[in-house]
């Protein structure tokens, strides 16, 4: 079902709308596009945040990363002043 929405744009939002409209979209198309893109970015960020939390809770992964850090530290040249 289509839904109509009325918004008041501040200067920053109006400028952002113009950027989205630069591809030849009208206001409605630009707003729909921007909403879909923003939702997609939020889904990606949410998935990344969830993956980070899972990895942080994974004791085996944390131990493996500790070992890798130690091995890399052994390979690194000594720090000089």
PDB file of N, CA and C in Angstrom:
ATOM      1  N   UNK A   1       0.845  -1.168   0.000  1.00  0.00           N
ATOM      2  CA  UNK A   1       0.000   0.000   0.000  1.00  0.00           C
ATOM      3  C   UNK A   1       0.893   1.234   0.000  1.00  0.00           C
ATOM      4  N   UNK A   2       0.616   2.157  -0.905  1.00  0.00           N
ATOM      5  CA  UNK A   2       1.380   3.404  -0.982  1.00  0.00           C
ATOM      6  C   UNK A   2       1.033   4.283   0.210  1.00  0.00           C
ATOM      7  N   UNK A   3       2.021   5.006   0.663  1.00  0.00           N
ATOM      8  CA  UNK A   3       1.833   5.898   1.804  1.00  0.00           C
ATOM      9  C   UNK A   3       2.411   7.246   1.462  1.00  0.00           C
ATOM     10  N   UNK A   4       1.667   8.278   1.750  1.00  0.00           N
ATOM     11  CA  UNK A   4       2.125   9.636   1.489  1.00  0.00           C
ATOM     12  C   UNK A   4       2.737  10.195   2.768  1.00  0.00           C
ATOM     13  N   UNK A   5       3.785  10.984   2.593  1.00  0.00           N
ATOM     14  CA  UNK A   5       4.494  11.528   3.742  1.00  0.00           C
ATOM     15  C   UNK A   5       4.846  12.980   3.455  1.00  0.00           C
ATOM     16  N   UNK A   6       4.655  13.836   4.428  1.00  0.00           N
ATOM     17  CA  UNK A   6       5.016  15.247   4.272  1.00  0.00           C
ATOM     18  C   UNK A   6       6.141  15.533   5.258  1.00  0.00           C
ATOM     19  N   UNK A   7       7.226  16.110   4.761  1.00  0.00           N
ATOM     20  CA  UNK A   7       8.354  16.420   5.632  1.00  0.00           C
ATOM     21  C   UNK A   7       8.808  17.856   5.421  1.00  0.00           C
ATOM     22  N   UNK A   8       9.436  18.399   6.434  1.00  0.00           N
ATOM     23  CA  UNK A   8      10.083  19.698   6.332  1.00  0.00           C
ATOM     24  C   UNK A   8      11.577  19.454   6.379  1.00  0.00           C
ATOM     25  N   UNK A   9      12.258  19.906   5.367  1.00  0.00           N
ATOM     26  CA  UNK A   9      13.691  19.671   5.273  1.00  0.00           C
ATOM     27  C   UNK A   9      14.472  20.848   5.841  1.00  0.00           C
ATOM     28  N   UNK A  10      15.471  20.537   6.638  1.00  0.00           N
ATOM     29  CA  UNK A  10      16.409  21.581   7.048  1.00  0.00           C
ATOM     30  C   UNK A  10      17.403  21.766   5.908  1.00  0.00           C
ATOM     31  N   UNK A  11      18.314  22.699   6.064  1.00  0.00           N
ATOM     32  CA  UNK A  11      19.254  22.997   4.981  1.00  0.00           C
ATOM     33  C   UNK A  11      20.100  21.782   4.594  1.00  0.00           C
ATOM     34  N   UNK A  12      20.589  21.054   5.590  1.00  0.00           N
ATOM     35  CA  UNK A  12      21.430  19.889   5.311  1.00  0.00           C
ATOM     36  C   UNK A  12      20.636  18.808   4.571  1.00  0.00           C
ATOM     37  N   UNK A  13      19.398  18.593   4.980  1.00  0.00           N
ATOM     38  CA  UNK A  13      18.564  17.587   4.317  1.00  0.00           C
ATOM     39  C   UNK A  13      18.210  18.004   2.903  1.00  0.00           C
ATOM     40  N   UNK A  14      17.949  19.278   2.703  1.00  0.00           N
ATOM     41  CA  UNK A  14      17.648  19.776   1.355  1.00  0.00           C
ATOM     42  C   UNK A  14      18.853  19.603   0.437  1.00  0.00           C
ATOM     43  N   UNK A  15      20.043  19.864   0.965  1.00  0.00           N
ATOM     44  CA  UNK A  15      21.261  19.682   0.172  1.00  0.00           C
ATOM     45  C   UNK A  15      21.466  18.206  -0.153  1.00  0.00           C
ATOM     46  N   UNK A  16      21.197  17.333   0.808  1.00  0.00           N
ATOM     47  CA  UNK A  16      21.321  15.894   0.572  1.00  0.00           C
ATOM     48  C   UNK A  16      20.325  15.433  -0.476  1.00  0.00           C
ATOM     49  N   UNK A  17      19.114  15.961  -0.432  1.00  0.00           N
ATOM     50  CA  UNK A  17      18.100  15.612  -1.429  1.00  0.00           C
ATOM     51  C   UNK A  17      18.559  16.016  -2.819  1.00  0.00           C
ATOM     52  N   UNK A  18      19.173  17.153  -2.937  1.00  0.00           N
ATOM     53  CA  UNK A  18      19.670  17.596  -4.244  1.00  0.00           C
ATOM     54  C   UNK A  18      20.741  16.664  -4.783  1.00  0.00           C
ATOM     55  N   UNK A  19      21.565  16.151  -3.893  1.00  0.00           N
ATOM     56  CA  UNK A  19      22.601  15.205  -4.325  1.00  0.00           C
ATOM     57  C   UNK A  19      21.948  13.936  -4.858  1.00  0.00           C
ATOM     58  N   UNK A  20      20.948  13.436  -4.147  1.00  0.00           N
ATOM     59  CA  UNK A  20      20.266  12.216  -4.590  1.00  0.00           C
ATOM     60  C   UNK A  20      19.510  12.480  -5.885  1.00  0.00           C
ATOM     61  N   UNK A  21      18.924  13.661  -6.013  1.00  0.00           N
ATOM     62  CA  UNK A  21      18.160  14.009  -7.213  1.00  0.00           C
ATOM     63  C   UNK A  21      19.065  14.244  -8.423  1.00  0.00           C
ATOM     64  N   UNK A  22      20.342  14.417  -8.208  1.00  0.00           N
ATOM     65  CA  UNK A  22      21.259  14.734  -9.310  1.00  0.00           C
ATOM     66  C   UNK A  22      21.256  13.661 -10.389  1.00  0.00           C
ATOM     67  N   UNK A  23      20.833  12.478 -10.052  1.00  0.00           N
ATOM     68  CA  UNK A  23      20.765  11.403 -11.032  1.00  0.00           C
ATOM     69  C   UNK A  23      19.519  11.470 -11.894  1.00  0.00           C
ATOM     70  N   UNK A  24      18.776  12.548 -11.813  1.00  0.00           N
ATOM     71  CA  UNK A  24      17.580  12.711 -12.626  1.00  0.00           C
ATOM     72  C   UNK A  24      16.302  12.231 -11.957  1.00  0.00           C
ATOM     73  N   UNK A  25      16.341  12.006 -10.650  1.00  0.00           N
ATOM     74  CA  UNK A  25      15.158  11.545  -9.930  1.00  0.00           C
ATOM     75  C   UNK A  25      14.297  12.727  -9.506  1.00  0.00           C
ATOM     76  N   UNK A  26      12.997  12.502  -9.394  1.00  0.00           N
ATOM     77  CA  UNK A  26      12.135  13.528  -8.803  1.00  0.00           C
ATOM     78  C   UNK A  26      12.201  13.383  -7.279  1.00  0.00           C
ATOM     79  N   UNK A  27      11.555  14.270  -6.555  1.00  0.00           N
ATOM     80  CA  UNK A  27      11.640  14.251  -5.092  1.00  0.00           C
ATOM     81  C   UNK A  27      11.216  12.903  -4.512  1.00  0.00           C
ATOM     82  N   UNK A  28      10.100  12.381  -4.954  1.00  0.00           N
ATOM     83  CA  UNK A  28       9.590  11.120  -4.405  1.00  0.00           C
ATOM     84  C   UNK A  28      10.550   9.972  -4.679  1.00  0.00           C
ATOM     85  N   UNK A  29      11.048   9.891  -5.900  1.00  0.00           N
ATOM     86  CA  UNK A  29      11.994   8.827  -6.238  1.00  0.00           C
ATOM     87  C   UNK A  29      13.276   8.955  -5.427  1.00  0.00           C
ATOM     88  N   UNK A  30      13.733  10.186  -5.273  1.00  0.00           N
ATOM     89  CA  UNK A  30      14.967  10.428  -4.522  1.00  0.00           C
ATOM     90  C   UNK A  30      14.801  10.034  -3.060  1.00  0.00           C
ATOM     91  N   UNK A  31      13.677  10.386  -2.470  1.00  0.00           N
ATOM     92  CA  UNK A  31      13.440  10.043  -1.062  1.00  0.00           C
ATOM     93  C   UNK A  31      13.332   8.533  -0.903  1.00  0.00           C
ATOM     94  N   UNK A  32      12.611   7.865  -1.789  1.00  0.00           N
ATOM     95  CA  UNK A  32      12.503   6.402  -1.709  1.00  0.00           C
ATOM     96  C   UNK A  32      13.881   5.758  -1.855  1.00  0.00           C
ATOM     97  N   UNK A  33      14.670   6.243  -2.794  1.00  0.00           N
ATOM     98  CA  UNK A  33      16.019   5.709  -2.993  1.00  0.00           C
ATOM     99  C   UNK A  33      16.868   5.908  -1.739  1.00  0.00           C
ATOM    100  N   UNK A  34      16.830   7.111  -1.195  1.00  0.00           N
ATOM    101  CA  UNK A  34      17.633   7.412   0.000  1.00  0.00           C
ATOM    102  C   UNK A  34      17.200   6.544   1.179  1.00  0.00           C
ATOM    103  N   UNK A  35      15.903   6.329   1.336  1.00  0.00           N
ATOM    104  CA  UNK A  35      15.425   5.487   2.436  1.00  0.00           C
ATOM    105  C   UNK A  35      15.887   4.043   2.263  1.00  0.00           C
ATOM    106  N   UNK A  36      15.798   3.519   1.059  1.00  0.00           N
ATOM    107  CA  UNK A  36      16.257   2.147   0.812  1.00  0.00           C
ATOM    108  C   UNK A  36      17.758   2.023   1.069  1.00  0.00           C
ATOM    109  N   UNK A  37      18.536   2.999   0.602  1.00  0.00           N
ATOM    110  CA  UNK A  37      19.985   2.960   0.811  1.00  0.00           C
ATOM    111  C   UNK A  37      20.335   3.064   2.294  1.00  0.00           C
ATOM    112  N   UNK A  38      19.644   3.937   3.011  1.00  0.00           N
ATOM    113  CA  UNK A  38      19.902   4.087   4.447  1.00  0.00           C
ATOM    114  C   UNK A  38      19.546   2.806   5.194  1.00  0.00           C
ATOM    115  N   UNK A  39      18.437   2.175   4.816  1.00  0.00           N
ATOM    116  CA  UNK A  39      18.042   0.922   5.463  1.00  0.00           C
ATOM    117  C   UNK A  39      19.068  -0.169   5.186  1.00  0.00           C
ATOM    118  N   UNK A  40      19.574  -0.230   3.962  1.00  0.00           N
ATOM    119  CA  UNK A  40      20.584  -1.237   3.613  1.00  0.00           C
ATOM    120  C   UNK A  40      21.852  -1.027   4.435  1.00  0.00           C
ATOM    121  N   UNK A  41      22.287   0.233   4.577  1.00  0.00           N
ATOM    122  CA  UNK A  41      23.487   0.522   5.381  1.00  0.00           C
ATOM    123  C   UNK A  41      23.270   0.110   6.835  1.00  0.00           C
ATOM    124  N   UNK A  42      22.089   0.375   7.362  1.00  0.00           N
ATOM    125  CA  UNK A  42      21.809   0.001   8.758  1.00  0.00           C
ATOM    126  C   UNK A  42      21.815  -1.511   8.936  1.00  0.00           C
ATOM    127  N   UNK A  43      21.273  -2.232   7.950  1.00  0.00           N
ATOM    128  CA  UNK A  43      21.289  -3.699   8.034  1.00  0.00           C
ATOM    129  C   UNK A  43      22.727  -4.210   8.030  1.00  0.00           C
ATOM    130  N   UNK A  44      23.566  -3.638   7.185  1.00  0.00           N
ATOM    131  CA  UNK A  44      24.968  -4.057   7.119  1.00  0.00           C
ATOM    132  C   UNK A  44      25.661  -3.762   8.448  1.00  0.00           C
ATOM    133  N   UNK A  45      25.472  -2.549   8.967  1.00  0.00           N
ATOM    134  CA  UNK A  45      26.111  -2.197  10.244  1.00  0.00           C
ATOM    135  C   UNK A  45      25.639  -3.121  11.361  1.00  0.00           C
ATOM    136  N   UNK A  46      24.355  -3.451  11.358  1.00  0.00           N
ATOM    137  CA  UNK A  46      23.813  -4.341  12.377  1.00  0.00           C
ATOM    138  C   UNK A  46      24.430  -5.726  12.268  1.00  0.00           C
ATOM    139  N   UNK A  47      24.585  -6.218  11.042  1.00  0.00           N
ATOM    140  CA  UNK A  47      25.194  -7.539  10.832  1.00  0.00           C
ATOM    141  C   UNK A  47      26.650  -7.523  11.280  1.00  0.00           C
ATOM    142  N   UNK A  48      27.372  -6.462  10.970  1.00  0.00           N
ATOM    143  CA  UNK A  48      28.770  -6.357  11.378  1.00  0.00           C
ATOM    144  C   UNK A  48      28.872  -6.302  12.900  1.00  0.00           C
ATOM    145  N   UNK A  49      28.011  -5.502  13.517  1.00  0.00           N
ATOM    146  CA  UNK A  49      28.018  -5.381  14.980  1.00  0.00           C
ATOM    147  C   UNK A  49      27.756  -6.757  15.614  1.00  0.00           C
ATOM    148  N   UNK A  50      26.808  -7.500  15.064  1.00  0.00           N
ATOM    149  CA  UNK A  50      26.500  -8.832  15.584  1.00  0.00           C
ATOM    150  C   UNK A  50      27.689  -9.780  15.422  1.00  0.00           C
ATOM    151  N   UNK A  51      28.341  -9.720  14.272  1.00  0.00           N
ATOM    152  CA  UNK A  51      29.506 -10.573  14.035  1.00  0.00           C
ATOM    153  C   UNK A  51      30.636 -10.233  14.995  1.00  0.00           C
ATOM    154  N   UNK A  52      30.861  -8.965  15.238  1.00  0.00           N
ATOM    155  CA  UNK A  52      31.911  -8.539  16.169  1.00  0.00           C
ATOM    156  C   UNK A  52      31.603  -9.059  17.572  1.00  0.00           C
ATOM    157  N   UNK A  53      30.350  -8.977  17.976  1.00  0.00           N
ATOM    158  CA  UNK A  53      29.971  -9.473  19.304  1.00  0.00           C
ATOM    159  C   UNK A  53      30.191 -10.980  19.413  1.00  0.00           C
ATOM    160  N   UNK A  54      29.847 -11.703  18.352  1.00  0.00           N
ATOM    161  CA  UNK A  54      30.069 -13.156  18.360  1.00  0.00           C
ATOM    162  C   UNK A  54      31.559 -13.483  18.443  1.00  0.00           C
ATOM    163  N   UNK A  55      32.370 -12.766  17.664  1.00  0.00           N
ATOM    164  CA  UNK A  55      33.806 -13.005  17.699  1.00  0.00           C
ATOM    165  C   UNK A  55      34.399 -12.643  19.056  1.00  0.00           C
ATOM    166  N   UNK A  56      33.943 -11.563  19.641  1.00  0.00           N
ATOM    167  CA  UNK A  56      34.463 -11.136  20.942  1.00  0.00           C
ATOM    168  C   UNK A  56      34.135 -12.165  22.022  1.00  0.00           C
ATOM    169  N   UNK A  57      33.037 -12.881  21.852  1.00  0.00           N
ATOM    170  CA  UNK A  57      32.638 -13.882  22.837  1.00  0.00           C
ATOM    171  C   UNK A  57      33.268 -15.250  22.559  1.00  0.00           C
ATOM    172  N   UNK A  58      33.941 -15.411  21.439  1.00  0.00           N
ATOM    173  CA  UNK A  58      34.527 -16.694  21.049  1.00  0.00           C
ATOM    174  C   UNK A  58      35.923 -16.826  21.649  1.00  0.00           C
ATOM    175  N   UNK A  59      36.031 -17.610  22.711  1.00  0.00           N
ATOM    176  CA  UNK A  59      37.309 -17.765  23.424  1.00  0.00           C
ATOM    177  C   UNK A  59      38.383 -18.376  22.527  1.00  0.00           C
ATOM    178  N   UNK A  60      38.018 -19.350  21.699  1.00  0.00           N
ATOM    179  CA  UNK A  60      39.010 -19.969  20.814  1.00  0.00           C
ATOM    180  C   UNK A  60      39.559 -18.950  19.818  1.00  0.00           C
ATOM    181  N   UNK A  61      38.680 -18.120  19.270  1.00  0.00           N
ATOM    182  CA  UNK A  61      39.133 -17.107  18.320  1.00  0.00           C
ATOM    183  C   UNK A  61      40.028 -16.083  19.009  1.00  0.00           C
ATOM    184  N   UNK A  62      39.657 -15.682  20.213  1.00  0.00           N
ATOM    185  CA  UNK A  62      40.472 -14.710  20.941  1.00  0.00           C
ATOM    186  C   UNK A  62      41.847 -15.280  21.250  1.00  0.00           C
ATOM    187  N   UNK A  63      41.905 -16.561  21.602  1.00  0.00           N
ATOM    188  CA  UNK A  63      43.204 -17.200  21.882  1.00  0.00           C
ATOM    189  C   UNK A  63      44.031 -17.277  20.607  1.00  0.00           C
ATOM    190  N   UNK A  64      43.403 -17.618  19.498  1.00  0.00           N
ATOM    191  CA  UNK A  64      44.121 -17.683  18.228  1.00  0.00           C
ATOM    192  C   UNK A  64      44.683 -16.309  17.857  1.00  0.00           C
ATOM    193  N   UNK A  65      43.911 -15.271  18.053  1.00  0.00           N
ATOM    194  CA  UNK A  65      44.374 -13.913  17.745  1.00  0.00           C
ATOM    195  C   UNK A  65      45.528 -13.513  18.664  1.00  0.00           C
ATOM    196  N   UNK A  66      45.496 -13.954  19.924  1.00  0.00           N
ATOM    197  CA  UNK A  66      46.598 -13.657  20.851  1.00  0.00           C
ATOM    198  C   UNK A  66      47.887 -14.310  20.347  1.00  0.00           C
ATOM    199  N   UNK A  67      47.779 -15.553  19.897  1.00  0.00           N
ATOM    200  CA  UNK A  67      48.949 -16.269  19.384  1.00  0.00           C
ATOM    201  C   UNK A  67      49.487 -15.565  18.137  1.00  0.00           C
ATOM    202  N   UNK A  68      48.599 -15.161  17.243  1.00  0.00           N
ATOM    203  CA  UNK A  68      49.021 -14.470  16.016  1.00  0.00           C
ATOM    204  C   UNK A  68      49.725 -13.160  16.372  1.00  0.00           C
ATOM    205  N   UNK A  69      49.167 -12.413  17.329  1.00  0.00           N
ATOM    206  CA  UNK A  69      49.813 -11.152  17.748  1.00  0.00           C
ATOM    207  C   UNK A  69      51.216 -11.410  18.286  1.00  0.00           C
ATOM    208  N   UNK A  70      51.360 -12.457  19.089  1.00  0.00           N
ATOM    209  CA  UNK A  70      52.675 -12.783  19.629  1.00  0.00           C
ATOM    210  C   UNK A  70      53.653 -13.143  18.507  1.00  0.00           C
ATOM    211  N   UNK A  71      53.185 -13.922  17.536  1.00  0.00           N
ATOM    212  CA  UNK A  71      54.047 -14.305  16.417  1.00  0.00           C
ATOM    213  C   UNK A  71      54.448 -13.085  15.595  1.00  0.00           C
ATOM    214  N   UNK A  72      53.507 -12.191  15.361  1.00  0.00           N
ATOM    215  CA  UNK A  72      53.827 -10.981  14.611  1.00  0.00           C
ATOM    216  C   UNK A  72      54.791 -10.089  15.380  1.00  0.00           C
ATOM    217  N   UNK A  73      54.633 -10.033  16.698  1.00  0.00           N
ATOM    218  CA  UNK A  73      55.533  -9.217  17.514  1.00  0.00           C
ATOM    219  C   UNK A  73      56.963  -9.745  17.423  1.00  0.00           C
ATOM    220  N   UNK A  74      57.101 -11.058  17.336  1.00  0.00           N
ATOM    221  CA  UNK A  74      58.444 -11.649  17.203  1.00  0.00           C
ATOM    222  C   UNK A  74      59.084 -11.299  15.866  1.00  0.00           C
ATOM    223  N   UNK A  75      58.268 -11.113  14.841  1.00  0.00           N
ATOM    224  CA  UNK A  75      58.782 -10.790  13.498  1.00  0.00           C
ATOM    225  C   UNK A  75      59.081  -9.302  13.302  1.00  0.00           C
ATOM    226  N   UNK A  76      58.491  -8.484  14.135  1.00  0.00           N
ATOM    227  CA  UNK A  76      58.632  -7.042  13.966  1.00  0.00           C
ATOM    228  C   UNK A  76      60.049  -6.591  14.330  1.00  0.00           C
ATOM    229  N   UNK A  77      60.550  -5.604  13.608  1.00  0.00           N
ATOM    230  CA  UNK A  77      61.885  -5.098  13.967  1.00  0.00           C
ATOM    231  C   UNK A  77      61.816  -4.383  15.309  1.00  0.00           C
ATOM    232  N   UNK A  78      62.936  -4.366  16.039  1.00  0.00           N
ATOM    233  CA  UNK A  78      62.941  -3.703  17.347  1.00  0.00           C
ATOM    234  C   UNK A  78      62.674  -2.186  17.183  1.00  0.00           C
ATOM    235  N   UNK A  79      61.993  -1.639  18.157  1.00  0.00           N
ATOM    236  CA  UNK A  79      61.724  -0.191  18.146  1.00  0.00           C
ATOM    237  C   UNK A  79      62.990   0.558  18.535  1.00  0.00           C
ATOM    238  N   UNK A  80      63.261   1.644  17.815  1.00  0.00           N
ATOM    239  CA  UNK A  80      64.422   2.471  18.148  1.00  0.00           C
ATOM    240  C   UNK A  80      63.953   3.880  18.421  1.00  0.00           C
ATOM    241  N   UNK A  81      64.676   4.569  19.262  1.00  0.00           N
ATOM    242  CA  UNK A  81      64.322   5.973  19.593  1.00  0.00           C
ATOM    243  C   UNK A  81      64.962   6.940  18.649  1.00  0.00           C
TER     244      UNK A  81
END
